[in-house]
Amino acid sequence: MLEVGCGRDGGIAPALAHAGHDVLAIDPEAPDGPLYHRIKLEELDDPGPFDAVVASRVLHHVQPLGPALDKLARLAPLLLLDEFAWNHMDEPTTDWYESQHRLLVAAGLPPKGPPDLAEWRSSHAGLHPYETLRGELDARFDTELFEWRPYLYRWLDGPASEALESALVDAGAIRPIGFRYVGRTSSKRTPTASGP
């Protein structure tokens, strides 16, 4: 398996290896160790094939996205993503998140996420919106699984944040902005300039 964007903490590569998978995890800031290579996706010269590619909260950053997805489609027949639709944060979702952030700060438990989402958006210009990411995925992969999921709890770090966010999403009070996606390389995929 190939993990793209494992980060400094090593991502899920150790868990995959512990489960018996052969794993290669890549990231420019990957930790030391036999599972890891400190490279960007475009620098990867391993031709594979891999059984699957796994990426968690990475592809919305990748520039240019199309050629990167073409490469992933060539490397493995299966793509498993844990992503987020940052541009789907509506006013109730933003208000809830920012109020939870303030409460945690007031309780002496400052979360890792940004306090102001408008400021976060302005400092992260260039991220792919959900619609772009999904369109590029659909051009290369057939969807086997798609589900909306809570996401903001990851930024809040509070002990009850995930359960609270899930309950509010289920009640329709806030929007889920996380999503899980499994795609299989499409047999009807058309060749692109960057590869077959």
N, C-alpha and C. Protein backbone atom coordinates (compact mmCIF):
# COMPACT_ATOMS: atom_id res chain seq x y z
N MET A 1 0.84 -1.18 0.00
CA MET A 1 0.00 0.00 0.00
C MET A 1 0.88 1.24 0.00
N LEU A 2 0.37 2.29 -0.60
CA LEU A 2 1.07 3.56 -0.64
C LEU A 2 0.25 4.57 0.14
N GLU A 3 0.88 5.21 1.15
CA GLU A 3 0.23 6.32 1.84
C GLU A 3 0.87 7.60 1.35
N VAL A 4 0.05 8.48 0.83
CA VAL A 4 0.51 9.77 0.33
C VAL A 4 0.21 10.83 1.38
N GLY A 5 1.24 11.57 1.78
CA GLY A 5 1.05 12.65 2.75
C GLY A 5 0.93 12.15 4.17
N CYS A 6 1.86 11.33 4.61
CA CYS A 6 1.79 10.76 5.97
C CYS A 6 2.13 11.79 7.04
N GLY A 7 2.75 12.90 6.66
CA GLY A 7 3.08 13.95 7.62
C GLY A 7 4.19 13.56 8.57
N ARG A 8 4.48 14.47 9.50
CA ARG A 8 5.54 14.26 10.49
C ARG A 8 5.24 13.11 11.44
N ASP A 9 3.94 12.88 11.69
CA ASP A 9 3.57 11.85 12.67
C ASP A 9 3.53 10.45 12.08
N GLY A 10 3.68 10.32 10.76
CA GLY A 10 3.74 9.00 10.15
C GLY A 10 2.43 8.45 9.66
N GLY A 11 1.35 9.20 9.84
CA GLY A 11 0.05 8.78 9.32
C GLY A 11 -0.40 7.43 9.82
N ILE A 12 -1.04 6.68 8.93
CA ILE A 12 -1.56 5.36 9.31
C ILE A 12 -0.65 4.23 8.86
N ALA A 13 0.52 4.57 8.33
CA ALA A 13 1.46 3.54 7.86
C ALA A 13 1.77 2.49 8.92
N PRO A 14 2.05 2.87 10.18
CA PRO A 14 2.34 1.85 11.19
C PRO A 14 1.16 0.89 11.41
N ALA A 15 -0.05 1.42 11.41
CA ALA A 15 -1.23 0.56 11.61
C ALA A 15 -1.40 -0.39 10.42
N LEU A 16 -1.17 0.11 9.22
CA LEU A 16 -1.27 -0.75 8.03
C LEU A 16 -0.22 -1.85 8.07
N ALA A 17 1.01 -1.49 8.44
CA ALA A 17 2.09 -2.48 8.53
C ALA A 17 1.78 -3.51 9.62
N HIS A 18 1.25 -3.04 10.75
CA HIS A 18 0.90 -3.95 11.85
C HIS A 18 -0.20 -4.93 11.41
N ALA A 19 -1.07 -4.48 10.51
CA ALA A 19 -2.14 -5.35 10.00
C ALA A 19 -1.64 -6.32 8.93
N GLY A 20 -0.34 -6.25 8.60
CA GLY A 20 0.23 -7.21 7.67
C GLY A 20 0.44 -6.71 6.25
N HIS A 21 0.21 -5.44 6.01
CA HIS A 21 0.39 -4.89 4.66
C HIS A 21 1.84 -4.44 4.46
N ASP A 22 2.33 -4.58 3.24
CA ASP A 22 3.58 -3.94 2.84
C ASP A 22 3.23 -2.49 2.56
N VAL A 23 3.95 -1.56 3.18
CA VAL A 23 3.57 -0.15 3.13
C VAL A 23 4.77 0.71 2.75
N LEU A 24 4.50 1.69 1.91
CA LEU A 24 5.42 2.79 1.65
C LEU A 24 4.63 4.06 1.92
N ALA A 25 5.15 4.91 2.81
CA ALA A 25 4.49 6.18 3.13
C ALA A 25 5.42 7.31 2.72
N ILE A 26 4.85 8.29 2.00
CA ILE A 26 5.67 9.39 1.51
C ILE A 26 5.14 10.74 1.99
N ASP A 27 6.08 11.63 2.22
CA ASP A 27 5.77 13.01 2.61
C ASP A 27 7.10 13.75 2.69
N PRO A 28 7.15 15.01 2.30
CA PRO A 28 8.41 15.75 2.44
C PRO A 28 8.89 15.85 3.88
N GLU A 29 7.98 15.69 4.84
CA GLU A 29 8.34 15.76 6.26
C GLU A 29 8.13 14.43 6.97
N ALA A 30 8.18 13.33 6.23
CA ALA A 30 7.97 12.00 6.82
C ALA A 30 9.00 11.73 7.91
N PRO A 31 8.62 10.95 8.92
CA PRO A 31 9.59 10.60 9.97
C PRO A 31 10.64 9.63 9.44
N ASP A 32 11.66 9.41 10.23
CA ASP A 32 12.66 8.39 9.90
C ASP A 32 12.03 7.01 10.06
N GLY A 33 12.54 6.05 9.32
CA GLY A 33 12.09 4.68 9.51
C GLY A 33 11.94 3.96 8.19
N PRO A 34 11.86 2.64 8.26
CA PRO A 34 11.83 1.82 7.05
C PRO A 34 10.55 1.96 6.22
N LEU A 35 9.48 2.47 6.80
CA LEU A 35 8.23 2.61 6.06
C LEU A 35 8.18 3.89 5.24
N TYR A 36 9.12 4.81 5.49
CA TYR A 36 8.96 6.19 5.02
C TYR A 36 10.01 6.63 4.02
N HIS A 37 9.58 7.51 3.12
CA HIS A 37 10.48 8.22 2.21
C HIS A 37 10.09 9.70 2.25
N ARG A 38 11.10 10.56 2.42
CA ARG A 38 10.85 12.01 2.44
C ARG A 38 10.87 12.55 1.01
N ILE A 39 9.75 12.40 0.35
CA ILE A 39 9.61 12.89 -1.02
C ILE A 39 8.18 13.35 -1.24
N LYS A 40 8.01 14.16 -2.28
CA LYS A 40 6.68 14.55 -2.74
C LYS A 40 6.19 13.48 -3.71
N LEU A 41 4.88 13.47 -3.93
CA LEU A 41 4.30 12.49 -4.86
C LEU A 41 4.95 12.57 -6.23
N GLU A 42 5.18 13.78 -6.72
CA GLU A 42 5.75 13.90 -8.07
C GLU A 42 7.18 13.37 -8.15
N GLU A 43 7.85 13.22 -7.01
CA GLU A 43 9.21 12.68 -6.97
C GLU A 43 9.25 11.15 -6.85
N LEU A 44 8.12 10.56 -6.58
CA LEU A 44 8.05 9.10 -6.41
C LEU A 44 8.33 8.42 -7.75
N ASP A 45 9.37 7.58 -7.77
CA ASP A 45 9.69 6.88 -9.02
C ASP A 45 9.41 5.38 -8.92
N ASP A 46 8.84 4.92 -7.82
CA ASP A 46 8.45 3.52 -7.68
C ASP A 46 7.28 3.27 -8.63
N PRO A 47 7.42 2.36 -9.59
CA PRO A 47 6.35 2.15 -10.56
C PRO A 47 5.17 1.37 -10.00
N GLY A 48 5.29 0.89 -8.75
CA GLY A 48 4.22 0.07 -8.21
C GLY A 48 4.27 -1.29 -8.87
N PRO A 49 3.19 -1.96 -9.06
CA PRO A 49 1.88 -1.48 -8.64
C PRO A 49 1.66 -1.68 -7.15
N PHE A 50 0.83 -0.84 -6.59
CA PHE A 50 0.39 -0.96 -5.21
C PHE A 50 -1.04 -1.50 -5.22
N ASP A 51 -1.43 -2.16 -4.15
CA ASP A 51 -2.81 -2.63 -4.07
C ASP A 51 -3.78 -1.46 -3.92
N ALA A 52 -3.33 -0.44 -3.18
CA ALA A 52 -4.19 0.72 -2.93
C ALA A 52 -3.33 1.92 -2.56
N VAL A 53 -3.89 3.10 -2.78
CA VAL A 53 -3.31 4.35 -2.30
C VAL A 53 -4.24 4.90 -1.24
N VAL A 54 -3.65 5.34 -0.14
CA VAL A 54 -4.39 5.93 0.97
C VAL A 54 -3.90 7.36 1.15
N ALA A 55 -4.83 8.29 1.32
CA ALA A 55 -4.45 9.68 1.58
C ALA A 55 -5.45 10.29 2.55
N SER A 56 -4.94 10.94 3.56
CA SER A 56 -5.80 11.54 4.57
C SER A 56 -5.56 13.05 4.64
N ARG A 57 -6.57 13.79 4.22
CA ARG A 57 -6.55 15.25 4.29
C ARG A 57 -5.33 15.84 3.57
N VAL A 58 -5.11 15.37 2.35
CA VAL A 58 -3.93 15.77 1.58
C VAL A 58 -4.30 16.37 0.22
N LEU A 59 -5.20 15.74 -0.50
CA LEU A 59 -5.39 16.08 -1.91
C LEU A 59 -5.93 17.48 -2.13
N HIS A 60 -6.62 18.06 -1.15
CA HIS A 60 -7.11 19.43 -1.35
C HIS A 60 -5.96 20.44 -1.44
N HIS A 61 -4.74 20.02 -1.03
CA HIS A 61 -3.55 20.87 -1.12
C HIS A 61 -2.76 20.67 -2.42
N VAL A 62 -2.89 19.52 -3.07
CA VAL A 62 -1.97 19.11 -4.14
C VAL A 62 -2.16 19.98 -5.39
N GLN A 63 -1.04 20.51 -5.87
CA GLN A 63 -1.03 21.33 -7.09
C GLN A 63 0.05 20.80 -8.03
N PRO A 64 -0.24 20.56 -9.26
CA PRO A 64 -1.55 20.50 -9.90
C PRO A 64 -2.24 19.17 -9.59
N LEU A 65 -3.54 19.24 -9.39
CA LEU A 65 -4.30 18.08 -8.94
C LEU A 65 -4.46 17.01 -10.02
N GLY A 66 -4.80 17.40 -11.23
CA GLY A 66 -5.05 16.42 -12.29
C GLY A 66 -3.90 15.46 -12.53
N PRO A 67 -2.69 15.97 -12.77
CA PRO A 67 -1.56 15.05 -12.97
C PRO A 67 -1.27 14.17 -11.76
N ALA A 68 -1.48 14.69 -10.56
CA ALA A 68 -1.26 13.88 -9.36
C ALA A 68 -2.25 12.71 -9.32
N LEU A 69 -3.51 12.98 -9.64
CA LEU A 69 -4.51 11.90 -9.66
C LEU A 69 -4.25 10.92 -10.80
N ASP A 70 -3.76 11.43 -11.93
CA ASP A 70 -3.38 10.52 -13.02
C ASP A 70 -2.30 9.55 -12.53
N LYS A 71 -1.33 10.07 -11.81
CA LYS A 71 -0.24 9.22 -11.30
C LYS A 71 -0.79 8.19 -10.31
N LEU A 72 -1.66 8.63 -9.41
CA LEU A 72 -2.24 7.69 -8.44
C LEU A 72 -3.04 6.60 -9.14
N ALA A 73 -3.77 6.98 -10.20
CA ALA A 73 -4.56 5.99 -10.95
C ALA A 73 -3.66 4.97 -11.63
N ARG A 74 -2.46 5.38 -12.02
CA ARG A 74 -1.51 4.43 -12.63
C ARG A 74 -0.86 3.53 -11.58
N LEU A 75 -0.67 4.06 -10.37
CA LEU A 75 0.05 3.31 -9.34
C LEU A 75 -0.78 2.23 -8.67
N ALA A 76 -2.10 2.43 -8.57
CA ALA A 76 -2.93 1.47 -7.84
C ALA A 76 -4.36 1.51 -8.37
N PRO A 77 -5.05 0.39 -8.32
CA PRO A 77 -6.43 0.37 -8.80
C PRO A 77 -7.43 0.96 -7.82
N LEU A 78 -7.01 1.15 -6.57
CA LEU A 78 -7.94 1.58 -5.52
C LEU A 78 -7.39 2.81 -4.82
N LEU A 79 -8.25 3.80 -4.60
CA LEU A 79 -7.89 5.03 -3.90
C LEU A 79 -8.81 5.20 -2.71
N LEU A 80 -8.24 5.32 -1.51
CA LEU A 80 -9.01 5.50 -0.29
C LEU A 80 -8.66 6.87 0.29
N LEU A 81 -9.68 7.72 0.46
CA LEU A 81 -9.46 9.09 0.92
C LEU A 81 -10.25 9.40 2.17
N ASP A 82 -9.63 10.18 3.03
CA ASP A 82 -10.30 10.85 4.13
C ASP A 82 -10.02 12.32 3.88
N GLU A 83 -11.04 13.08 3.48
CA GLU A 83 -10.84 14.46 3.03
C GLU A 83 -11.85 15.39 3.69
N PHE A 84 -11.73 16.67 3.35
CA PHE A 84 -12.73 17.60 3.83
C PHE A 84 -13.09 18.65 2.80
N ALA A 85 -14.36 19.04 2.86
CA ALA A 85 -14.91 20.04 1.95
C ALA A 85 -14.94 21.37 2.69
N TRP A 86 -13.78 22.00 2.77
CA TRP A 86 -13.64 23.23 3.55
C TRP A 86 -14.61 24.31 3.08
N ASN A 87 -14.94 24.31 1.80
CA ASN A 87 -15.83 25.34 1.27
C ASN A 87 -17.30 25.06 1.56
N HIS A 88 -17.62 23.97 2.22
CA HIS A 88 -19.01 23.67 2.59
C HIS A 88 -19.36 24.14 3.99
N MET A 89 -18.45 24.84 4.64
CA MET A 89 -18.75 25.37 5.98
C MET A 89 -19.72 26.54 5.83
N ASP A 90 -20.97 26.31 6.20
CA ASP A 90 -21.96 27.38 6.14
C ASP A 90 -21.94 28.17 7.46
N GLU A 91 -22.81 29.17 7.56
CA GLU A 91 -22.80 30.03 8.74
C GLU A 91 -23.09 29.28 10.05
N PRO A 92 -24.12 28.42 10.10
CA PRO A 92 -24.35 27.69 11.36
C PRO A 92 -23.16 26.80 11.75
N THR A 93 -22.53 26.18 10.77
CA THR A 93 -21.38 25.31 11.05
C THR A 93 -20.21 26.13 11.55
N THR A 94 -19.95 27.25 10.90
CA THR A 94 -18.86 28.15 11.32
C THR A 94 -19.13 28.70 12.71
N ASP A 95 -20.36 29.15 12.95
CA ASP A 95 -20.70 29.70 14.28
C ASP A 95 -20.52 28.64 15.37
N TRP A 96 -20.97 27.41 15.10
CA TRP A 96 -20.82 26.35 16.10
C TRP A 96 -19.34 26.10 16.38
N TYR A 97 -18.56 25.94 15.33
CA TYR A 97 -17.13 25.66 15.51
C TYR A 97 -16.45 26.77 16.31
N GLU A 98 -16.66 28.02 15.91
CA GLU A 98 -15.97 29.12 16.58
C GLU A 98 -16.42 29.26 18.03
N SER A 99 -17.69 28.98 18.33
CA SER A 99 -18.13 29.04 19.73
C SER A 99 -17.52 27.90 20.55
N GLN A 100 -17.40 26.72 19.96
CA GLN A 100 -16.74 25.61 20.65
C GLN A 100 -15.27 25.92 20.91
N HIS A 101 -14.63 26.54 19.95
CA HIS A 101 -13.23 26.94 20.10
C HIS A 101 -13.09 27.90 21.27
N ARG A 102 -13.96 28.92 21.31
CA ARG A 102 -13.90 29.90 22.42
C ARG A 102 -14.13 29.23 23.77
N LEU A 103 -15.10 28.31 23.83
CA LEU A 103 -15.38 27.61 25.09
C LEU A 103 -14.18 26.79 25.56
N LEU A 104 -13.54 26.10 24.64
CA LEU A 104 -12.37 25.30 25.01
C LEU A 104 -11.21 26.18 25.47
N VAL A 105 -11.01 27.31 24.81
CA VAL A 105 -9.97 28.25 25.24
C VAL A 105 -10.29 28.76 26.64
N ALA A 106 -11.55 29.14 26.87
CA ALA A 106 -11.96 29.64 28.19
C ALA A 106 -11.79 28.58 29.28
N ALA A 107 -11.93 27.32 28.91
CA ALA A 107 -11.78 26.22 29.87
C ALA A 107 -10.32 25.83 30.08
N GLY A 108 -9.41 26.54 29.42
CA GLY A 108 -7.98 26.23 29.56
C GLY A 108 -7.52 25.06 28.71
N LEU A 109 -8.31 24.71 27.68
CA LEU A 109 -7.98 23.60 26.78
C LEU A 109 -7.91 24.10 25.35
N PRO A 110 -6.96 24.98 25.04
CA PRO A 110 -6.94 25.56 23.69
C PRO A 110 -6.74 24.48 22.62
N PRO A 111 -7.66 24.41 21.66
CA PRO A 111 -7.54 23.40 20.60
C PRO A 111 -6.51 23.79 19.56
N LYS A 112 -6.14 22.81 18.73
CA LYS A 112 -5.12 23.06 17.71
C LYS A 112 -5.66 23.81 16.51
N GLY A 113 -6.97 23.81 16.32
CA GLY A 113 -7.56 24.45 15.15
C GLY A 113 -7.56 25.96 15.24
N PRO A 114 -7.81 26.62 14.12
CA PRO A 114 -7.80 28.08 14.09
C PRO A 114 -9.02 28.65 14.82
N PRO A 115 -8.86 29.80 15.48
CA PRO A 115 -10.00 30.39 16.17
C PRO A 115 -11.00 31.06 15.23
N ASP A 116 -10.53 31.54 14.09
CA ASP A 116 -11.35 32.32 13.16
C ASP A 116 -11.29 31.65 11.78
N LEU A 117 -12.42 31.11 11.34
CA LEU A 117 -12.42 30.37 10.07
C LEU A 117 -12.32 31.28 8.85
N ALA A 118 -12.81 32.51 8.95
CA ALA A 118 -12.65 33.45 7.83
C ALA A 118 -11.17 33.77 7.63
N GLU A 119 -10.48 33.96 8.72
CA GLU A 119 -9.04 34.21 8.65
C GLU A 119 -8.31 32.98 8.10
N TRP A 120 -8.73 31.79 8.55
CA TRP A 120 -8.13 30.56 8.05
C TRP A 120 -8.30 30.45 6.54
N ARG A 121 -9.53 30.73 6.05
CA ARG A 121 -9.77 30.65 4.60
C ARG A 121 -8.87 31.61 3.83
N SER A 122 -8.72 32.83 4.34
CA SER A 122 -7.90 33.81 3.62
C SER A 122 -6.42 33.43 3.62
N SER A 123 -5.98 32.73 4.65
CA SER A 123 -4.57 32.32 4.69
C SER A 123 -4.32 30.99 3.98
N HIS A 124 -5.39 30.36 3.49
CA HIS A 124 -5.26 29.09 2.77
C HIS A 124 -5.83 29.20 1.36
N ALA A 125 -5.61 30.32 0.73
CA ALA A 125 -6.07 30.49 -0.65
C ALA A 125 -5.39 29.44 -1.53
N GLY A 126 -6.11 28.95 -2.49
CA GLY A 126 -5.53 27.98 -3.40
C GLY A 126 -5.89 26.53 -3.10
N LEU A 127 -6.56 26.29 -1.97
CA LEU A 127 -7.00 24.92 -1.70
C LEU A 127 -8.12 24.56 -2.67
N HIS A 128 -8.16 23.30 -3.06
CA HIS A 128 -9.21 22.87 -3.98
C HIS A 128 -10.54 22.78 -3.24
N PRO A 129 -11.59 23.40 -3.78
CA PRO A 129 -12.90 23.20 -3.19
C PRO A 129 -13.38 21.77 -3.46
N TYR A 130 -14.37 21.36 -2.70
CA TYR A 130 -14.91 20.00 -2.84
C TYR A 130 -15.28 19.69 -4.29
N GLU A 131 -15.96 20.62 -4.95
CA GLU A 131 -16.46 20.35 -6.29
C GLU A 131 -15.33 20.07 -7.28
N THR A 132 -14.23 20.79 -7.16
CA THR A 132 -13.07 20.54 -8.02
C THR A 132 -12.47 19.18 -7.73
N LEU A 133 -12.27 18.90 -6.45
CA LEU A 133 -11.69 17.62 -6.06
C LEU A 133 -12.56 16.47 -6.54
N ARG A 134 -13.86 16.58 -6.32
CA ARG A 134 -14.77 15.50 -6.71
C ARG A 134 -14.82 15.34 -8.23
N GLY A 135 -14.82 16.44 -8.96
CA GLY A 135 -14.83 16.35 -10.42
C GLY A 135 -13.59 15.66 -10.96
N GLU A 136 -12.44 15.99 -10.39
CA GLU A 136 -11.18 15.35 -10.83
C GLU A 136 -11.16 13.87 -10.45
N LEU A 137 -11.69 13.53 -9.29
CA LEU A 137 -11.78 12.12 -8.90
C LEU A 137 -12.69 11.36 -9.85
N ASP A 138 -13.86 11.93 -10.13
CA ASP A 138 -14.84 11.25 -10.98
C ASP A 138 -14.34 11.06 -12.41
N ALA A 139 -13.40 11.89 -12.85
CA ALA A 139 -12.83 11.75 -14.19
C ALA A 139 -11.89 10.55 -14.29
N ARG A 140 -11.46 10.03 -13.15
CA ARG A 140 -10.45 8.97 -13.15
C ARG A 140 -10.86 7.69 -12.42
N PHE A 141 -11.82 7.82 -11.52
CA PHE A 141 -12.19 6.70 -10.66
C PHE A 141 -13.70 6.51 -10.65
N ASP A 142 -14.11 5.26 -10.50
CA ASP A 142 -15.51 4.94 -10.26
C ASP A 142 -15.71 4.89 -8.75
N THR A 143 -16.72 5.57 -8.26
CA THR A 143 -16.96 5.65 -6.83
C THR A 143 -17.49 4.33 -6.30
N GLU A 144 -16.79 3.78 -5.31
CA GLU A 144 -17.26 2.57 -4.64
C GLU A 144 -17.87 2.89 -3.28
N LEU A 145 -17.42 3.99 -2.67
CA LEU A 145 -17.98 4.42 -1.38
C LEU A 145 -17.82 5.92 -1.29
N PHE A 146 -18.87 6.58 -0.83
CA PHE A 146 -18.78 8.00 -0.50
C PHE A 146 -19.68 8.23 0.69
N GLU A 147 -19.15 8.90 1.71
CA GLU A 147 -19.98 9.25 2.86
C GLU A 147 -19.49 10.55 3.48
N TRP A 148 -20.46 11.40 3.82
CA TRP A 148 -20.14 12.62 4.56
C TRP A 148 -19.89 12.26 6.01
N ARG A 149 -18.93 12.95 6.64
CA ARG A 149 -18.53 12.64 8.02
C ARG A 149 -18.26 13.95 8.77
N PRO A 150 -18.37 13.92 10.09
CA PRO A 150 -17.90 15.06 10.87
C PRO A 150 -16.40 15.26 10.64
N TYR A 151 -15.95 16.49 10.77
CA TYR A 151 -14.54 16.78 10.56
C TYR A 151 -13.97 17.73 11.60
N LEU A 152 -14.73 18.73 12.00
CA LEU A 152 -14.20 19.83 12.81
C LEU A 152 -13.72 19.38 14.19
N TYR A 153 -14.19 18.25 14.68
CA TYR A 153 -13.73 17.74 15.97
C TYR A 153 -12.21 17.55 15.98
N ARG A 154 -11.64 17.30 14.82
CA ARG A 154 -10.18 17.11 14.73
C ARG A 154 -9.45 18.39 15.10
N TRP A 155 -10.05 19.51 14.78
CA TRP A 155 -9.46 20.81 15.12
C TRP A 155 -9.77 21.21 16.56
N LEU A 156 -10.85 20.68 17.12
CA LEU A 156 -11.27 21.11 18.45
C LEU A 156 -10.60 20.33 19.58
N ASP A 157 -10.24 19.10 19.36
CA ASP A 157 -9.51 18.30 20.35
C ASP A 157 -10.24 18.08 21.67
N GLY A 158 -11.44 18.57 21.81
CA GLY A 158 -12.13 18.40 23.08
C GLY A 158 -12.60 16.97 23.27
N PRO A 159 -12.75 16.52 24.51
CA PRO A 159 -13.11 15.12 24.75
C PRO A 159 -14.46 14.72 24.18
N ALA A 160 -15.39 15.67 24.07
CA ALA A 160 -16.72 15.33 23.56
C ALA A 160 -16.98 15.90 22.18
N SER A 161 -15.98 16.49 21.56
CA SER A 161 -16.20 17.21 20.30
C SER A 161 -16.73 16.32 19.18
N GLU A 162 -16.19 15.11 19.01
CA GLU A 162 -16.64 14.25 17.91
C GLU A 162 -18.09 13.83 18.12
N ALA A 163 -18.44 13.41 19.32
CA ALA A 163 -19.81 12.98 19.58
C ALA A 163 -20.79 14.14 19.41
N LEU A 164 -20.42 15.32 19.89
CA LEU A 164 -21.28 16.48 19.76
C LEU A 164 -21.46 16.87 18.29
N GLU A 165 -20.36 16.92 17.56
CA GLU A 165 -20.46 17.27 16.14
C GLU A 165 -21.32 16.24 15.39
N SER A 166 -21.13 14.97 15.66
CA SER A 166 -21.93 13.92 15.01
C SER A 166 -23.41 14.10 15.30
N ALA A 167 -23.74 14.38 16.55
CA ALA A 167 -25.15 14.56 16.93
C ALA A 167 -25.75 15.77 16.22
N LEU A 168 -25.00 16.86 16.12
CA LEU A 168 -25.50 18.06 15.45
C LEU A 168 -25.63 17.85 13.94
N VAL A 169 -24.72 17.11 13.36
CA VAL A 169 -24.83 16.77 11.94
C VAL A 169 -26.07 15.91 11.72
N ASP A 170 -26.25 14.89 12.55
CA ASP A 170 -27.42 14.00 12.42
C ASP A 170 -28.73 14.77 12.57
N ALA A 171 -28.72 15.80 13.41
CA ALA A 171 -29.93 16.61 13.63
C ALA A 171 -30.13 17.65 12.54
N GLY A 172 -29.15 17.82 11.66
CA GLY A 172 -29.25 18.81 10.60
C GLY A 172 -28.94 20.23 11.05
N ALA A 173 -28.36 20.38 12.24
CA ALA A 173 -28.06 21.71 12.77
C ALA A 173 -26.79 22.30 12.15
N ILE A 174 -25.83 21.45 11.80
CA ILE A 174 -24.61 21.88 11.13
C ILE A 174 -24.32 20.91 9.99
N ARG A 175 -23.44 21.32 9.10
CA ARG A 175 -23.12 20.49 7.94
C ARG A 175 -21.91 19.61 8.22
N PRO A 176 -21.93 18.39 7.71
CA PRO A 176 -20.70 17.60 7.76
C PRO A 176 -19.78 18.11 6.65
N ILE A 177 -18.52 18.34 6.98
CA ILE A 177 -17.61 18.80 5.93
C ILE A 177 -16.52 17.78 5.64
N GLY A 178 -16.45 16.73 6.42
CA GLY A 178 -15.51 15.65 6.13
C GLY A 178 -16.17 14.64 5.21
N PHE A 179 -15.35 13.94 4.45
CA PHE A 179 -15.91 12.85 3.65
C PHE A 179 -14.89 11.74 3.48
N ARG A 180 -15.44 10.54 3.35
CA ARG A 180 -14.63 9.37 3.02
C ARG A 180 -15.02 8.93 1.62
N TYR A 181 -13.99 8.53 0.90
CA TYR A 181 -14.19 8.18 -0.50
C TYR A 181 -13.33 6.98 -0.83
N VAL A 182 -13.92 6.03 -1.54
CA VAL A 182 -13.17 4.92 -2.11
C VAL A 182 -13.50 4.89 -3.59
N GLY A 183 -12.45 4.95 -4.41
CA GLY A 183 -12.64 4.91 -5.85
C GLY A 183 -11.77 3.84 -6.48
N ARG A 184 -12.28 3.23 -7.52
CA ARG A 184 -11.53 2.24 -8.29
C ARG A 184 -11.23 2.85 -9.65
N THR A 185 -9.99 2.65 -10.10
CA THR A 185 -9.60 3.21 -11.39
C THR A 185 -10.63 2.84 -12.44
N SER A 186 -11.11 3.84 -13.14
CA SER A 186 -12.18 3.64 -14.10
C SER A 186 -11.67 2.96 -15.36
N SER A 187 -12.41 1.95 -15.81
CA SER A 187 -12.04 1.27 -17.05
C SER A 187 -12.36 2.14 -18.26
N LYS A 188 -13.21 3.12 -18.08
CA LYS A 188 -13.55 4.02 -19.19
C LYS A 188 -12.79 5.33 -19.13
N ARG A 189 -11.76 5.36 -18.30
CA ARG A 189 -10.93 6.56 -18.15
C ARG A 189 -10.24 6.88 -19.46
N THR A 190 -10.26 8.15 -19.82
CA THR A 190 -9.59 8.55 -21.05
C THR A 190 -8.16 8.94 -20.75
N PRO A 191 -7.23 8.60 -21.64
CA PRO A 191 -5.84 8.97 -21.40
C PRO A 191 -5.68 10.48 -21.34
N THR A 192 -4.74 10.94 -20.53
CA THR A 192 -4.44 12.36 -20.43
C THR A 192 -3.02 12.58 -20.90
N ALA A 193 -2.66 13.84 -20.99
CA ALA A 193 -1.30 14.17 -21.45
C ALA A 193 -0.24 13.67 -20.49
N SER A 194 -0.64 13.48 -19.21
CA SER A 194 0.37 13.06 -18.23
C SER A 194 0.48 11.56 -18.10
N GLY A 195 -0.28 10.81 -18.85
CA GLY A 195 -0.13 9.36 -18.76
C GLY A 195 -1.32 8.62 -19.33
N PRO A 196 -1.23 7.29 -19.36
CA PRO A 196 -2.30 6.47 -19.94
C PRO A 196 -3.54 6.46 -19.08
